[in-house]
Amino acid sequence: MRLRKALGLWVTALLTKESAAMLPFLLLAYDWFVLDADRAERRRRFARLELPMLAATIGAGAVRIALLMMVEYPGQTGPDWRFALVAVDAFWRYIWMFFVPRGQSIFHAVPVIDSLFSLRAIGGLGGLALLGSLIWRLRLVHSLISVGLLWFALLL
């Protein structure tokens, strides 16, 4: 009963704010990094809770992309994957503003990155790889700090 209530609240959150889509990934990381359970218990939790939530998240993401393409940007042939590089660049700009809070604004203009081989793209993706490596290694020493860093990165 509690599981159904929690899933209902998550679906409500997902319908109101897209950042709720990160909850299944956070639960999966918490399960892997923090909880001490045997393999059978982890499989049961994954099959009963995490896998359906991940499937719902992927389905909701596909519906959101379809709505963007049909309603908000009709006539375009497909998503512009360069914006994924812009999102990586924006991630690091927000991290920078966390430590140096200057130039706060409601709108931050982030120029499009034209090539995967540009310096900003390589630096941003390399930084994400280093952050992922740090999170992965911290799970062995400080599992809660590792989950907290992952949570921060996913929601940013």
N, C-alpha and C. Protein backbone atom coordinates (compact mmCIF):
# COMPACT_ATOMS: atom_id res chain seq x y z
N MET A 1 0.82 -1.19 0.00
CA MET A 1 0.00 0.00 0.00
C MET A 1 0.86 1.26 0.00
N ARG A 2 1.91 1.25 0.86
CA ARG A 2 2.81 2.42 0.90
C ARG A 2 3.53 2.60 -0.42
N LEU A 3 3.90 1.49 -1.06
CA LEU A 3 4.59 1.58 -2.35
C LEU A 3 3.70 2.23 -3.40
N ARG A 4 2.43 1.87 -3.43
CA ARG A 4 1.51 2.48 -4.41
C ARG A 4 1.32 3.97 -4.14
N LYS A 5 1.24 4.33 -2.87
CA LYS A 5 1.10 5.75 -2.54
C LYS A 5 2.35 6.53 -2.96
N ALA A 6 3.51 5.94 -2.68
CA ALA A 6 4.76 6.61 -3.06
C ALA A 6 4.86 6.74 -4.58
N LEU A 7 4.50 5.69 -5.30
CA LEU A 7 4.55 5.76 -6.77
C LEU A 7 3.53 6.77 -7.31
N GLY A 8 2.38 6.85 -6.68
CA GLY A 8 1.38 7.85 -7.08
C GLY A 8 1.89 9.27 -6.87
N LEU A 9 2.54 9.50 -5.75
CA LEU A 9 3.12 10.83 -5.50
C LEU A 9 4.24 11.13 -6.48
N TRP A 10 5.04 10.10 -6.83
CA TRP A 10 6.11 10.31 -7.81
C TRP A 10 5.54 10.66 -9.18
N VAL A 11 4.48 9.95 -9.60
CA VAL A 11 3.86 10.26 -10.90
C VAL A 11 3.30 11.68 -10.88
N THR A 12 2.69 12.09 -9.76
CA THR A 12 2.21 13.46 -9.63
C THR A 12 3.36 14.45 -9.76
N ALA A 13 4.46 14.16 -9.09
CA ALA A 13 5.63 15.03 -9.20
C ALA A 13 6.16 15.06 -10.62
N LEU A 14 6.17 13.93 -11.28
CA LEU A 14 6.65 13.84 -12.66
C LEU A 14 5.78 14.67 -13.60
N LEU A 15 4.50 14.71 -13.34
CA LEU A 15 3.59 15.51 -14.17
C LEU A 15 3.73 17.00 -13.92
N THR A 16 4.28 17.38 -12.76
CA THR A 16 4.40 18.80 -12.45
C THR A 16 5.79 19.37 -12.68
N LYS A 17 6.82 18.53 -12.55
CA LYS A 17 8.19 19.03 -12.69
C LYS A 17 9.06 17.92 -13.27
N GLU A 18 9.76 18.23 -14.34
CA GLU A 18 10.56 17.23 -15.05
C GLU A 18 11.73 16.70 -14.23
N SER A 19 12.18 17.45 -13.26
CA SER A 19 13.31 16.97 -12.44
C SER A 19 12.95 15.74 -11.62
N ALA A 20 11.66 15.47 -11.43
CA ALA A 20 11.24 14.26 -10.72
C ALA A 20 11.62 13.00 -11.49
N ALA A 21 11.97 13.13 -12.74
CA ALA A 21 12.39 11.97 -13.54
C ALA A 21 13.71 11.40 -13.05
N MET A 22 14.43 12.13 -12.23
CA MET A 22 15.72 11.64 -11.73
C MET A 22 15.57 10.72 -10.52
N LEU A 23 14.38 10.64 -9.92
CA LEU A 23 14.20 9.81 -8.74
C LEU A 23 14.56 8.34 -8.96
N PRO A 24 14.16 7.69 -10.05
CA PRO A 24 14.56 6.29 -10.21
C PRO A 24 16.07 6.09 -10.25
N PHE A 25 16.78 7.02 -10.87
CA PHE A 25 18.24 6.93 -10.92
C PHE A 25 18.84 7.12 -9.52
N LEU A 26 18.26 8.02 -8.75
CA LEU A 26 18.72 8.24 -7.39
C LEU A 26 18.45 7.01 -6.51
N LEU A 27 17.27 6.41 -6.66
CA LEU A 27 16.96 5.20 -5.89
C LEU A 27 17.88 4.06 -6.26
N LEU A 28 18.18 3.95 -7.54
CA LEU A 28 19.10 2.91 -7.99
C LEU A 28 20.49 3.11 -7.40
N ALA A 29 20.96 4.35 -7.42
CA ALA A 29 22.27 4.64 -6.83
C ALA A 29 22.26 4.39 -5.32
N TYR A 30 21.20 4.77 -4.65
CA TYR A 30 21.11 4.53 -3.20
C TYR A 30 21.13 3.03 -2.91
N ASP A 31 20.43 2.28 -3.73
CA ASP A 31 20.40 0.83 -3.57
C ASP A 31 21.78 0.22 -3.77
N TRP A 32 22.49 0.66 -4.79
CA TRP A 32 23.81 0.12 -5.10
C TRP A 32 24.88 0.59 -4.12
N PHE A 33 24.85 1.87 -3.76
CA PHE A 33 25.95 2.47 -3.01
C PHE A 33 25.79 2.34 -1.49
N VAL A 34 24.56 2.41 -0.99
CA VAL A 34 24.36 2.55 0.45
C VAL A 34 23.78 1.29 1.09
N LEU A 35 22.71 0.77 0.54
CA LEU A 35 22.03 -0.36 1.18
C LEU A 35 22.88 -1.61 1.15
N ASP A 36 22.88 -2.30 2.25
CA ASP A 36 23.63 -3.54 2.35
C ASP A 36 22.62 -4.69 2.32
N ALA A 37 22.44 -5.26 1.14
CA ALA A 37 21.47 -6.35 0.98
C ALA A 37 22.09 -7.43 0.11
N ASP A 38 21.53 -8.62 0.22
CA ASP A 38 22.03 -9.70 -0.63
C ASP A 38 21.52 -9.52 -2.05
N ARG A 39 22.09 -10.30 -2.93
CA ARG A 39 21.80 -10.17 -4.36
C ARG A 39 20.32 -10.41 -4.67
N ALA A 40 19.70 -11.37 -4.01
CA ALA A 40 18.29 -11.68 -4.27
C ALA A 40 17.40 -10.50 -3.87
N GLU A 41 17.70 -9.87 -2.76
CA GLU A 41 16.91 -8.71 -2.31
C GLU A 41 17.07 -7.54 -3.28
N ARG A 42 18.26 -7.32 -3.75
CA ARG A 42 18.48 -6.23 -4.73
C ARG A 42 17.73 -6.50 -6.02
N ARG A 43 17.77 -7.73 -6.48
CA ARG A 43 17.04 -8.09 -7.71
C ARG A 43 15.54 -7.88 -7.53
N ARG A 44 15.03 -8.28 -6.37
CA ARG A 44 13.60 -8.10 -6.11
C ARG A 44 13.22 -6.62 -6.11
N ARG A 45 14.03 -5.80 -5.43
CA ARG A 45 13.76 -4.35 -5.42
C ARG A 45 13.86 -3.76 -6.82
N PHE A 46 14.86 -4.22 -7.57
CA PHE A 46 15.02 -3.69 -8.92
C PHE A 46 13.82 -4.06 -9.79
N ALA A 47 13.40 -5.32 -9.75
CA ALA A 47 12.29 -5.77 -10.58
C ALA A 47 10.96 -5.17 -10.16
N ARG A 48 10.79 -4.96 -8.86
CA ARG A 48 9.50 -4.49 -8.36
C ARG A 48 9.36 -2.98 -8.36
N LEU A 49 10.45 -2.27 -8.16
CA LEU A 49 10.36 -0.82 -8.00
C LEU A 49 11.16 -0.06 -9.06
N GLU A 50 12.45 -0.34 -9.13
CA GLU A 50 13.33 0.51 -9.93
C GLU A 50 13.13 0.33 -11.43
N LEU A 51 12.99 -0.89 -11.91
CA LEU A 51 12.78 -1.13 -13.34
C LEU A 51 11.49 -0.51 -13.85
N PRO A 52 10.34 -0.70 -13.16
CA PRO A 52 9.14 -0.01 -13.64
C PRO A 52 9.26 1.52 -13.62
N MET A 53 9.94 2.05 -12.60
CA MET A 53 10.12 3.51 -12.56
C MET A 53 11.02 3.98 -13.68
N LEU A 54 12.09 3.23 -13.97
CA LEU A 54 12.97 3.60 -15.09
C LEU A 54 12.21 3.53 -16.41
N ALA A 55 11.39 2.49 -16.60
CA ALA A 55 10.59 2.38 -17.83
C ALA A 55 9.61 3.54 -17.95
N ALA A 56 8.97 3.90 -16.85
CA ALA A 56 8.04 5.04 -16.87
C ALA A 56 8.77 6.34 -17.18
N THR A 57 9.96 6.50 -16.63
CA THR A 57 10.75 7.70 -16.90
C THR A 57 11.13 7.79 -18.36
N ILE A 58 11.59 6.68 -18.93
CA ILE A 58 11.96 6.68 -20.35
C ILE A 58 10.73 6.93 -21.22
N GLY A 59 9.61 6.32 -20.85
CA GLY A 59 8.37 6.56 -21.60
C GLY A 59 7.93 8.01 -21.51
N ALA A 60 7.98 8.59 -20.31
CA ALA A 60 7.60 9.99 -20.14
C ALA A 60 8.55 10.91 -20.91
N GLY A 61 9.83 10.56 -20.93
CA GLY A 61 10.79 11.35 -21.71
C GLY A 61 10.49 11.29 -23.19
N ALA A 62 10.12 10.12 -23.69
CA ALA A 62 9.77 9.98 -25.10
C ALA A 62 8.52 10.80 -25.44
N VAL A 63 7.53 10.77 -24.54
CA VAL A 63 6.32 11.57 -24.76
C VAL A 63 6.67 13.05 -24.74
N ARG A 64 7.53 13.47 -23.83
CA ARG A 64 7.92 14.89 -23.75
C ARG A 64 8.64 15.33 -25.02
N ILE A 65 9.52 14.51 -25.53
CA ILE A 65 10.22 14.84 -26.78
C ILE A 65 9.25 14.89 -27.94
N ALA A 66 8.31 13.96 -27.98
CA ALA A 66 7.30 13.97 -29.06
C ALA A 66 6.45 15.23 -28.99
N LEU A 67 6.05 15.64 -27.78
CA LEU A 67 5.29 16.88 -27.64
C LEU A 67 6.10 18.09 -28.06
N LEU A 68 7.37 18.11 -27.69
CA LEU A 68 8.22 19.23 -28.12
C LEU A 68 8.28 19.31 -29.63
N MET A 69 8.44 18.16 -30.28
CA MET A 69 8.59 18.16 -31.74
C MET A 69 7.28 18.47 -32.45
N MET A 70 6.15 17.98 -31.93
CA MET A 70 4.87 18.17 -32.62
C MET A 70 4.20 19.49 -32.29
N VAL A 71 4.31 19.94 -31.05
CA VAL A 71 3.55 21.11 -30.61
C VAL A 71 4.43 22.36 -30.56
N GLU A 72 5.56 22.27 -29.89
CA GLU A 72 6.35 23.47 -29.67
C GLU A 72 7.27 23.80 -30.84
N TYR A 73 7.78 22.78 -31.55
CA TYR A 73 8.67 23.01 -32.67
C TYR A 73 8.22 22.21 -33.89
N PRO A 74 7.01 22.48 -34.40
CA PRO A 74 6.54 21.70 -35.55
C PRO A 74 7.36 22.04 -36.81
N GLY A 75 7.53 21.04 -37.65
CA GLY A 75 8.25 21.26 -38.90
C GLY A 75 9.73 20.96 -38.83
N GLN A 76 10.29 20.84 -37.63
CA GLN A 76 11.70 20.48 -37.53
C GLN A 76 11.84 18.98 -37.72
N THR A 77 12.94 18.58 -38.34
CA THR A 77 13.12 17.17 -38.67
C THR A 77 13.45 16.31 -37.47
N GLY A 78 14.03 16.85 -36.45
CA GLY A 78 14.40 16.06 -35.27
C GLY A 78 15.12 16.93 -34.26
N PRO A 79 15.45 16.34 -33.13
CA PRO A 79 16.15 17.14 -32.12
C PRO A 79 17.56 17.50 -32.57
N ASP A 80 18.01 18.65 -32.13
CA ASP A 80 19.35 19.11 -32.44
C ASP A 80 20.26 18.65 -31.31
N TRP A 81 21.08 17.64 -31.57
CA TRP A 81 21.90 17.02 -30.53
C TRP A 81 23.02 17.93 -30.04
N ARG A 82 23.25 19.04 -30.72
CA ARG A 82 24.26 19.98 -30.20
C ARG A 82 23.81 20.59 -28.88
N PHE A 83 22.50 20.59 -28.64
CA PHE A 83 22.00 21.15 -27.39
C PHE A 83 22.39 20.30 -26.19
N ALA A 84 22.71 19.03 -26.40
CA ALA A 84 23.22 18.20 -25.30
C ALA A 84 24.57 18.74 -24.84
N LEU A 85 25.38 19.19 -25.80
CA LEU A 85 26.67 19.80 -25.44
C LEU A 85 26.47 21.13 -24.74
N VAL A 86 25.44 21.87 -25.15
CA VAL A 86 25.11 23.14 -24.48
C VAL A 86 24.67 22.85 -23.04
N ALA A 87 23.93 21.77 -22.83
CA ALA A 87 23.51 21.41 -21.47
C ALA A 87 24.70 21.07 -20.59
N VAL A 88 25.69 20.40 -21.15
CA VAL A 88 26.90 20.09 -20.39
C VAL A 88 27.63 21.39 -20.03
N ASP A 89 27.73 22.29 -20.99
CA ASP A 89 28.37 23.58 -20.74
C ASP A 89 27.61 24.37 -19.68
N ALA A 90 26.28 24.35 -19.74
CA ALA A 90 25.47 25.05 -18.74
C ALA A 90 25.63 24.42 -17.36
N PHE A 91 25.77 23.11 -17.30
CA PHE A 91 26.01 22.42 -16.03
C PHE A 91 27.24 23.00 -15.34
N TRP A 92 28.34 23.11 -16.09
CA TRP A 92 29.57 23.62 -15.49
C TRP A 92 29.48 25.10 -15.18
N ARG A 93 28.70 25.86 -15.94
CA ARG A 93 28.51 27.28 -15.61
C ARG A 93 27.77 27.42 -14.27
N TYR A 94 26.77 26.57 -14.06
CA TYR A 94 26.05 26.61 -12.79
C TYR A 94 26.93 26.17 -11.63
N ILE A 95 27.77 25.19 -11.85
CA ILE A 95 28.72 24.79 -10.81
C ILE A 95 29.64 25.98 -10.49
N TRP A 96 30.12 26.65 -11.53
CA TRP A 96 31.01 27.81 -11.32
C TRP A 96 30.30 28.90 -10.53
N MET A 97 29.03 29.17 -10.86
CA MET A 97 28.28 30.20 -10.14
C MET A 97 28.00 29.80 -8.69
N PHE A 98 28.02 28.50 -8.41
CA PHE A 98 27.85 28.03 -7.04
C PHE A 98 29.02 28.49 -6.18
N PHE A 99 30.22 28.49 -6.76
CA PHE A 99 31.42 28.89 -6.02
C PHE A 99 31.73 30.38 -6.18
N VAL A 100 31.41 30.95 -7.33
CA VAL A 100 31.65 32.38 -7.58
C VAL A 100 30.31 32.98 -8.01
N PRO A 101 29.49 33.42 -7.04
CA PRO A 101 28.13 33.87 -7.37
C PRO A 101 28.08 35.29 -7.94
N ARG A 102 28.60 35.44 -9.13
CA ARG A 102 28.53 36.73 -9.83
C ARG A 102 27.76 36.53 -11.11
N GLY A 103 27.14 37.61 -11.59
CA GLY A 103 26.43 37.56 -12.85
C GLY A 103 25.15 36.75 -12.78
N GLN A 104 24.48 36.78 -11.60
CA GLN A 104 23.22 36.05 -11.46
C GLN A 104 22.16 36.70 -12.34
N SER A 105 21.39 35.87 -13.00
CA SER A 105 20.38 36.36 -13.92
C SER A 105 19.29 35.31 -14.05
N ILE A 106 18.11 35.73 -14.49
CA ILE A 106 17.05 34.77 -14.75
C ILE A 106 17.36 33.97 -16.00
N PHE A 107 17.97 34.62 -16.97
CA PHE A 107 18.30 33.96 -18.23
C PHE A 107 19.80 34.05 -18.45
N HIS A 108 20.41 32.92 -18.72
CA HIS A 108 21.84 32.87 -19.04
C HIS A 108 21.99 32.43 -20.49
N ALA A 109 22.54 33.30 -21.29
CA ALA A 109 22.77 32.95 -22.69
C ALA A 109 23.99 32.04 -22.78
N VAL A 110 23.78 30.86 -23.30
CA VAL A 110 24.86 29.90 -23.48
C VAL A 110 24.96 29.63 -24.98
N PRO A 111 26.08 29.98 -25.60
CA PRO A 111 26.19 29.80 -27.05
C PRO A 111 26.22 28.32 -27.43
N VAL A 112 25.71 28.03 -28.62
CA VAL A 112 25.67 26.67 -29.14
C VAL A 112 27.09 26.19 -29.41
N ILE A 113 27.35 24.95 -29.08
CA ILE A 113 28.65 24.33 -29.37
C ILE A 113 28.49 23.57 -30.68
N ASP A 114 29.26 23.96 -31.67
CA ASP A 114 29.08 23.40 -33.01
C ASP A 114 29.73 22.04 -33.23
N SER A 115 30.75 21.72 -32.45
CA SER A 115 31.49 20.50 -32.72
C SER A 115 31.79 19.75 -31.42
N LEU A 116 31.79 18.46 -31.52
CA LEU A 116 32.16 17.62 -30.39
C LEU A 116 33.64 17.80 -30.05
N PHE A 117 34.41 18.30 -31.00
CA PHE A 117 35.85 18.46 -30.81
C PHE A 117 36.25 19.88 -30.40
N SER A 118 35.26 20.73 -30.08
CA SER A 118 35.61 22.06 -29.60
C SER A 118 36.14 21.95 -28.17
N LEU A 119 36.89 22.93 -27.76
CA LEU A 119 37.52 22.91 -26.44
C LEU A 119 36.48 22.85 -25.33
N ARG A 120 35.38 23.62 -25.46
CA ARG A 120 34.33 23.60 -24.45
C ARG A 120 33.67 22.24 -24.35
N ALA A 121 33.44 21.59 -25.47
CA ALA A 121 32.81 20.26 -25.46
C ALA A 121 33.74 19.23 -24.82
N ILE A 122 34.99 19.24 -25.21
CA ILE A 122 35.94 18.28 -24.66
C ILE A 122 36.13 18.51 -23.17
N GLY A 123 36.27 19.77 -22.76
CA GLY A 123 36.43 20.08 -21.34
C GLY A 123 35.19 19.71 -20.53
N GLY A 124 34.02 20.02 -21.04
CA GLY A 124 32.79 19.71 -20.32
C GLY A 124 32.56 18.21 -20.18
N LEU A 125 32.74 17.47 -21.28
CA LEU A 125 32.56 16.02 -21.22
C LEU A 125 33.64 15.35 -20.38
N GLY A 126 34.87 15.86 -20.49
CA GLY A 126 35.94 15.32 -19.65
C GLY A 126 35.68 15.58 -18.18
N GLY A 127 35.16 16.77 -17.87
CA GLY A 127 34.80 17.09 -16.49
C GLY A 127 33.70 16.18 -15.97
N LEU A 128 32.70 15.88 -16.81
CA LEU A 128 31.65 14.95 -16.39
C LEU A 128 32.21 13.56 -16.14
N ALA A 129 33.16 13.14 -16.99
CA ALA A 129 33.79 11.83 -16.79
C ALA A 129 34.56 11.81 -15.47
N LEU A 130 35.27 12.89 -15.16
CA LEU A 130 35.99 12.96 -13.88
C LEU A 130 35.03 12.98 -12.69
N LEU A 131 33.94 13.72 -12.83
CA LEU A 131 32.95 13.77 -11.75
C LEU A 131 32.33 12.38 -11.54
N GLY A 132 32.00 11.70 -12.63
CA GLY A 132 31.47 10.35 -12.53
C GLY A 132 32.46 9.40 -11.88
N SER A 133 33.72 9.54 -12.22
CA SER A 133 34.76 8.71 -11.61
C SER A 133 34.89 8.99 -10.12
N LEU A 134 34.83 10.26 -9.74
CA LEU A 134 34.89 10.63 -8.33
C LEU A 134 33.72 10.04 -7.56
N ILE A 135 32.52 10.15 -8.12
CA ILE A 135 31.33 9.61 -7.47
C ILE A 135 31.45 8.09 -7.33
N TRP A 136 31.92 7.43 -8.38
CA TRP A 136 32.05 5.97 -8.35
C TRP A 136 33.07 5.52 -7.30
N ARG A 137 34.17 6.23 -7.19
CA ARG A 137 35.20 5.84 -6.22
C ARG A 137 34.80 6.19 -4.79
N LEU A 138 34.08 7.29 -4.61
CA LEU A 138 33.65 7.68 -3.27
C LEU A 138 32.65 6.69 -2.68
N ARG A 139 31.96 5.93 -3.51
CA ARG A 139 30.97 5.00 -3.00
C ARG A 139 31.58 3.95 -2.09
N LEU A 140 32.87 3.67 -2.29
CA LEU A 140 33.54 2.66 -1.47
C LEU A 140 33.93 3.20 -0.09
N VAL A 141 34.17 4.51 -0.02
CA VAL A 141 34.66 5.12 1.22
C VAL A 141 33.53 5.85 1.96
N HIS A 142 32.81 6.71 1.25
CA HIS A 142 31.74 7.52 1.81
C HIS A 142 30.52 7.40 0.90
N SER A 143 29.76 6.35 1.10
CA SER A 143 28.66 6.07 0.17
C SER A 143 27.60 7.16 0.17
N LEU A 144 27.29 7.75 1.32
CA LEU A 144 26.27 8.80 1.35
C LEU A 144 26.74 10.07 0.65
N ILE A 145 28.02 10.40 0.77
CA ILE A 145 28.55 11.55 0.05
C ILE A 145 28.47 11.29 -1.45
N SER A 146 28.77 10.07 -1.85
CA SER A 146 28.68 9.70 -3.25
C SER A 146 27.25 9.86 -3.78
N VAL A 147 26.28 9.37 -3.03
CA VAL A 147 24.88 9.52 -3.44
C VAL A 147 24.48 10.99 -3.46
N GLY A 148 24.94 11.75 -2.48
CA GLY A 148 24.63 13.19 -2.45
C GLY A 148 25.20 13.92 -3.65
N LEU A 149 26.43 13.63 -4.02
CA LEU A 149 27.02 14.26 -5.21
C LEU A 149 26.27 13.86 -6.48
N LEU A 150 25.90 12.60 -6.57
CA LEU A 150 25.14 12.15 -7.75
C LEU A 150 23.79 12.84 -7.79
N TRP A 151 23.14 12.95 -6.67
CA TRP A 151 21.85 13.62 -6.57
C TRP A 151 21.98 15.08 -7.02
N PHE A 152 22.99 15.76 -6.53
CA PHE A 152 23.23 17.15 -6.91
C PHE A 152 23.43 17.26 -8.42
N ALA A 153 24.26 16.38 -8.98
CA ALA A 153 24.54 16.44 -10.42
C ALA A 153 23.30 16.11 -11.24
N LEU A 154 22.53 15.12 -10.83
CA LEU A 154 21.33 14.75 -11.59
C LEU A 154 20.30 15.86 -11.58
N LEU A 155 20.14 16.52 -10.45
CA LEU A 155 19.11 17.57 -10.38
C LEU A 155 19.59 18.88 -10.97
N LEU A 156 20.87 19.07 -11.09
CA LEU A 156 21.36 20.31 -11.70
C LEU A 156 21.17 20.25 -13.19
